[in-house]
Amino acid sequence: MSEVRVERVRAGTGAVVAEFDAVLGGVTIRGARLVNGKRGRFLGLPSRKRPDTEDWYEVIVLSDALRSRVQAAAEEALRVAAPQADVAEDEVPF
């Protein structure tokens, strides 16, 4: 798969650093997120809770290589988007 693109990056809350959509070739994964965990930052994909236990499982499974590419693209998109979120001094309404 050659194309890995991140769209609609938005700030998260709590341990979730950002939420975004990942485009892998012609497939779009909505609701992916970057999360700060106990062992560092990781890529969280859409998941569901098992009805019979308290365990969660990812609905979409990616290879380690593709997961790394998506996380790197998301980190870069977040890095680029962060400065744009700042308000310039001349735009402050008071």
N, C-alpha and C. Protein backbone atom coordinates (compact mmCIF):
# COMPACT_ATOMS: atom_id res chain seq x y z
N MET A 1 0.86 -1.17 0.00
CA MET A 1 0.00 0.00 0.00
C MET A 1 0.90 1.23 0.00
N SER A 2 0.70 2.08 -0.99
CA SER A 2 1.59 3.22 -1.11
C SER A 2 1.06 4.47 -0.42
N GLU A 3 -0.24 4.70 -0.47
CA GLU A 3 -0.78 5.93 0.09
C GLU A 3 -1.22 5.76 1.54
N VAL A 4 -0.65 6.59 2.40
CA VAL A 4 -1.09 6.71 3.79
C VAL A 4 -1.25 8.19 4.05
N ARG A 5 -2.48 8.62 4.29
CA ARG A 5 -2.77 10.03 4.48
C ARG A 5 -3.64 10.21 5.72
N VAL A 6 -3.45 11.33 6.39
CA VAL A 6 -4.24 11.64 7.59
C VAL A 6 -5.09 12.87 7.29
N GLU A 7 -6.37 12.77 7.65
CA GLU A 7 -7.30 13.88 7.41
C GLU A 7 -8.05 14.22 8.70
N ARG A 8 -8.60 15.40 8.71
CA ARG A 8 -9.47 15.87 9.80
C ARG A 8 -8.84 15.67 11.19
N VAL A 9 -7.65 16.14 11.37
CA VAL A 9 -6.97 16.04 12.67
C VAL A 9 -7.62 17.04 13.62
N ARG A 10 -7.99 16.56 14.80
CA ARG A 10 -8.58 17.45 15.82
C ARG A 10 -8.02 17.06 17.18
N ALA A 11 -7.95 18.03 18.06
CA ALA A 11 -7.39 17.80 19.39
C ALA A 11 -8.27 16.83 20.16
N GLY A 12 -7.62 16.00 20.96
CA GLY A 12 -8.34 15.06 21.82
C GLY A 12 -8.46 15.61 23.22
N THR A 13 -8.95 14.80 24.12
CA THR A 13 -9.06 15.19 25.52
C THR A 13 -8.45 14.10 26.39
N GLY A 14 -7.94 14.49 27.53
CA GLY A 14 -7.33 13.53 28.45
C GLY A 14 -6.11 12.88 27.84
N ALA A 15 -6.04 11.57 27.88
CA ALA A 15 -4.89 10.84 27.34
C ALA A 15 -4.90 10.83 25.81
N VAL A 16 -6.04 11.13 25.20
CA VAL A 16 -6.12 11.15 23.73
C VAL A 16 -5.54 12.47 23.24
N VAL A 17 -4.42 12.39 22.55
CA VAL A 17 -3.73 13.58 22.05
C VAL A 17 -4.46 14.16 20.85
N ALA A 18 -4.89 13.29 19.93
CA ALA A 18 -5.57 13.73 18.72
C ALA A 18 -6.47 12.62 18.19
N GLU A 19 -7.51 13.04 17.50
CA GLU A 19 -8.38 12.12 16.78
C GLU A 19 -8.29 12.49 15.31
N PHE A 20 -8.37 11.50 14.43
CA PHE A 20 -8.21 11.77 13.00
C PHE A 20 -8.79 10.63 12.18
N ASP A 21 -8.85 10.87 10.88
CA ASP A 21 -9.23 9.83 9.93
C ASP A 21 -7.98 9.47 9.14
N ALA A 22 -7.75 8.19 8.91
CA ALA A 22 -6.59 7.72 8.16
C ALA A 22 -7.07 7.14 6.83
N VAL A 23 -6.45 7.57 5.74
CA VAL A 23 -6.78 7.06 4.41
C VAL A 23 -5.64 6.15 3.98
N LEU A 24 -5.96 4.88 3.77
CA LEU A 24 -4.98 3.87 3.36
C LEU A 24 -5.39 3.37 1.99
N GLY A 25 -4.72 3.87 0.97
CA GLY A 25 -5.15 3.53 -0.39
C GLY A 25 -6.54 4.10 -0.61
N GLY A 26 -7.50 3.26 -0.89
CA GLY A 26 -8.87 3.70 -1.08
C GLY A 26 -9.76 3.47 0.11
N VAL A 27 -9.18 3.10 1.26
CA VAL A 27 -9.96 2.79 2.46
C VAL A 27 -9.76 3.90 3.49
N THR A 28 -10.85 4.40 4.05
CA THR A 28 -10.77 5.42 5.10
C THR A 28 -11.15 4.81 6.44
N ILE A 29 -10.29 5.02 7.42
CA ILE A 29 -10.57 4.59 8.79
C ILE A 29 -10.95 5.83 9.58
N ARG A 30 -12.18 5.91 10.00
CA ARG A 30 -12.65 7.06 10.78
C ARG A 30 -12.50 6.74 12.27
N GLY A 31 -12.10 7.75 13.03
CA GLY A 31 -12.03 7.59 14.47
C GLY A 31 -10.74 6.99 15.00
N ALA A 32 -9.65 7.11 14.25
CA ALA A 32 -8.35 6.69 14.77
C ALA A 32 -7.87 7.77 15.74
N ARG A 33 -6.95 7.42 16.64
CA ARG A 33 -6.48 8.41 17.61
C ARG A 33 -5.04 8.13 18.04
N LEU A 34 -4.37 9.18 18.46
CA LEU A 34 -3.07 9.07 19.10
C LEU A 34 -3.30 9.19 20.59
N VAL A 35 -2.76 8.23 21.35
CA VAL A 35 -3.03 8.16 22.78
C VAL A 35 -1.70 8.13 23.54
N ASN A 36 -1.62 8.90 24.62
CA ASN A 36 -0.48 8.80 25.53
C ASN A 36 -0.78 7.72 26.55
N GLY A 37 -0.06 6.62 26.48
CA GLY A 37 -0.26 5.50 27.39
C GLY A 37 0.86 5.38 28.39
N LYS A 38 0.79 4.38 29.24
CA LYS A 38 1.81 4.15 30.26
C LYS A 38 3.18 3.87 29.67
N ARG A 39 3.19 3.25 28.47
CA ARG A 39 4.46 2.91 27.82
C ARG A 39 4.76 3.79 26.61
N GLY A 40 4.19 4.98 26.58
CA GLY A 40 4.45 5.91 25.48
C GLY A 40 3.23 6.10 24.60
N ARG A 41 3.42 6.89 23.56
CA ARG A 41 2.33 7.21 22.65
C ARG A 41 2.08 6.04 21.70
N PHE A 42 0.80 5.78 21.40
CA PHE A 42 0.47 4.70 20.48
C PHE A 42 -0.73 5.07 19.62
N LEU A 43 -0.91 4.31 18.55
CA LEU A 43 -2.02 4.49 17.64
C LEU A 43 -3.20 3.65 18.12
N GLY A 44 -4.32 4.28 18.37
CA GLY A 44 -5.54 3.57 18.74
C GLY A 44 -6.49 3.54 17.55
N LEU A 45 -6.96 2.37 17.21
CA LEU A 45 -7.90 2.21 16.11
C LEU A 45 -9.29 1.95 16.67
N PRO A 46 -10.32 2.14 15.85
CA PRO A 46 -11.68 1.88 16.34
C PRO A 46 -11.78 0.50 16.99
N SER A 47 -12.44 0.45 18.13
CA SER A 47 -12.53 -0.81 18.88
C SER A 47 -13.92 -0.98 19.47
N ARG A 48 -14.19 -2.20 19.89
CA ARG A 48 -15.47 -2.54 20.52
C ARG A 48 -15.22 -3.37 21.77
N LYS A 49 -16.15 -3.29 22.67
CA LYS A 49 -16.06 -4.07 23.90
C LYS A 49 -16.73 -5.42 23.68
N ARG A 50 -16.08 -6.47 24.12
CA ARG A 50 -16.67 -7.81 24.00
C ARG A 50 -17.89 -7.88 24.92
N PRO A 51 -18.98 -8.45 24.45
CA PRO A 51 -20.20 -8.47 25.26
C PRO A 51 -20.11 -9.37 26.49
N ASP A 52 -19.23 -10.37 26.45
CA ASP A 52 -19.16 -11.32 27.55
C ASP A 52 -18.05 -11.02 28.55
N THR A 53 -17.16 -10.07 28.24
CA THR A 53 -16.06 -9.73 29.15
C THR A 53 -15.88 -8.22 29.19
N GLU A 54 -14.90 -7.79 29.92
CA GLU A 54 -14.57 -6.36 29.97
C GLU A 54 -13.47 -6.01 28.97
N ASP A 55 -13.10 -6.95 28.10
CA ASP A 55 -12.01 -6.74 27.16
C ASP A 55 -12.47 -5.95 25.94
N TRP A 56 -11.54 -5.19 25.38
CA TRP A 56 -11.77 -4.45 24.14
C TRP A 56 -10.95 -5.09 23.03
N TYR A 57 -11.44 -5.00 21.80
CA TYR A 57 -10.68 -5.49 20.67
C TYR A 57 -10.80 -4.49 19.52
N GLU A 58 -9.73 -4.38 18.73
CA GLU A 58 -9.74 -3.47 17.59
C GLU A 58 -10.57 -4.06 16.47
N VAL A 59 -11.40 -3.24 15.87
CA VAL A 59 -12.24 -3.66 14.77
C VAL A 59 -11.41 -3.79 13.49
N ILE A 60 -10.39 -2.97 13.37
CA ILE A 60 -9.50 -2.97 12.22
C ILE A 60 -8.13 -3.42 12.68
N VAL A 61 -7.55 -4.39 11.98
CA VAL A 61 -6.23 -4.90 12.35
C VAL A 61 -5.25 -4.53 11.25
N LEU A 62 -4.16 -3.86 11.63
CA LEU A 62 -3.11 -3.47 10.68
C LEU A 62 -1.83 -4.22 11.00
N SER A 63 -1.02 -4.43 9.98
CA SER A 63 0.30 -5.02 10.21
C SER A 63 1.14 -4.01 11.00
N ASP A 64 2.20 -4.48 11.63
CA ASP A 64 3.06 -3.59 12.41
C ASP A 64 3.64 -2.49 11.52
N ALA A 65 4.04 -2.84 10.30
CA ALA A 65 4.63 -1.86 9.38
C ALA A 65 3.61 -0.78 9.01
N LEU A 66 2.40 -1.18 8.68
CA LEU A 66 1.38 -0.21 8.30
C LEU A 66 0.95 0.62 9.49
N ARG A 67 0.85 0.01 10.66
CA ARG A 67 0.52 0.74 11.89
C ARG A 67 1.57 1.83 12.15
N SER A 68 2.84 1.50 11.96
CA SER A 68 3.92 2.49 12.16
C SER A 68 3.80 3.63 11.17
N ARG A 69 3.47 3.32 9.92
CA ARG A 69 3.32 4.36 8.90
C ARG A 69 2.16 5.29 9.23
N VAL A 70 1.05 4.73 9.68
CA VAL A 70 -0.11 5.56 10.03
C VAL A 70 0.22 6.44 11.23
N GLN A 71 0.89 5.87 12.25
CA GLN A 71 1.23 6.67 13.42
C GLN A 71 2.19 7.79 13.05
N ALA A 72 3.18 7.50 12.21
CA ALA A 72 4.13 8.54 11.79
C ALA A 72 3.42 9.64 11.01
N ALA A 73 2.49 9.28 10.13
CA ALA A 73 1.74 10.28 9.37
C ALA A 73 0.87 11.13 10.30
N ALA A 74 0.29 10.51 11.32
CA ALA A 74 -0.54 11.24 12.28
C ALA A 74 0.30 12.18 13.13
N GLU A 75 1.47 11.71 13.55
CA GLU A 75 2.38 12.58 14.34
C GLU A 75 2.79 13.80 13.52
N GLU A 76 3.08 13.58 12.23
CA GLU A 76 3.47 14.68 11.36
C GLU A 76 2.30 15.64 11.14
N ALA A 77 1.11 15.12 10.90
CA ALA A 77 -0.07 15.97 10.72
C ALA A 77 -0.35 16.78 11.98
N LEU A 78 -0.16 16.18 13.13
CA LEU A 78 -0.37 16.89 14.39
C LEU A 78 0.68 17.98 14.57
N ARG A 79 1.91 17.67 14.20
CA ARG A 79 2.99 18.67 14.31
C ARG A 79 2.71 19.86 13.40
N VAL A 80 2.24 19.62 12.20
CA VAL A 80 1.95 20.69 11.25
C VAL A 80 0.72 21.47 11.66
N ALA A 81 -0.30 20.80 12.20
CA ALA A 81 -1.56 21.45 12.57
C ALA A 81 -1.44 22.28 13.84
N ALA A 82 -0.56 21.91 14.76
CA ALA A 82 -0.47 22.59 16.06
C ALA A 82 -0.18 24.08 15.93
N PRO A 83 0.80 24.52 15.12
CA PRO A 83 1.03 25.97 15.04
C PRO A 83 -0.15 26.74 14.46
N GLN A 84 -0.94 26.11 13.61
CA GLN A 84 -2.08 26.78 13.01
C GLN A 84 -3.18 27.03 14.02
N ALA A 85 -3.19 26.30 15.11
CA ALA A 85 -4.23 26.46 16.13
C ALA A 85 -4.01 27.70 16.98
N ASP A 86 -2.78 28.23 16.99
CA ASP A 86 -2.49 29.43 17.77
C ASP A 86 -3.18 30.62 17.16
N VAL A 87 -3.66 31.52 18.00
CA VAL A 87 -4.31 32.76 17.53
C VAL A 87 -3.26 33.86 17.52
N ALA A 88 -3.16 34.54 16.40
CA ALA A 88 -2.23 35.67 16.28
C ALA A 88 -2.73 36.80 17.18
N GLU A 89 -1.77 37.61 17.68
CA GLU A 89 -2.14 38.68 18.59
C GLU A 89 -3.12 39.66 17.99
N ASP A 90 -3.01 39.94 16.67
CA ASP A 90 -3.92 40.90 16.05
C ASP A 90 -5.31 40.32 15.82
N GLU A 91 -5.52 39.04 16.09
CA GLU A 91 -6.84 38.42 15.96
C GLU A 91 -7.60 38.32 17.28
N VAL A 92 -6.98 38.73 18.38
CA VAL A 92 -7.64 38.68 19.67
C VAL A 92 -8.73 39.75 19.70
N PRO A 93 -9.97 39.37 20.02
CA PRO A 93 -11.09 40.32 19.91
C PRO A 93 -11.19 41.36 21.02
N PHE A 94 -10.25 41.43 21.94
CA PHE A 94 -10.35 42.44 22.99
C PHE A 94 -9.04 43.13 23.22
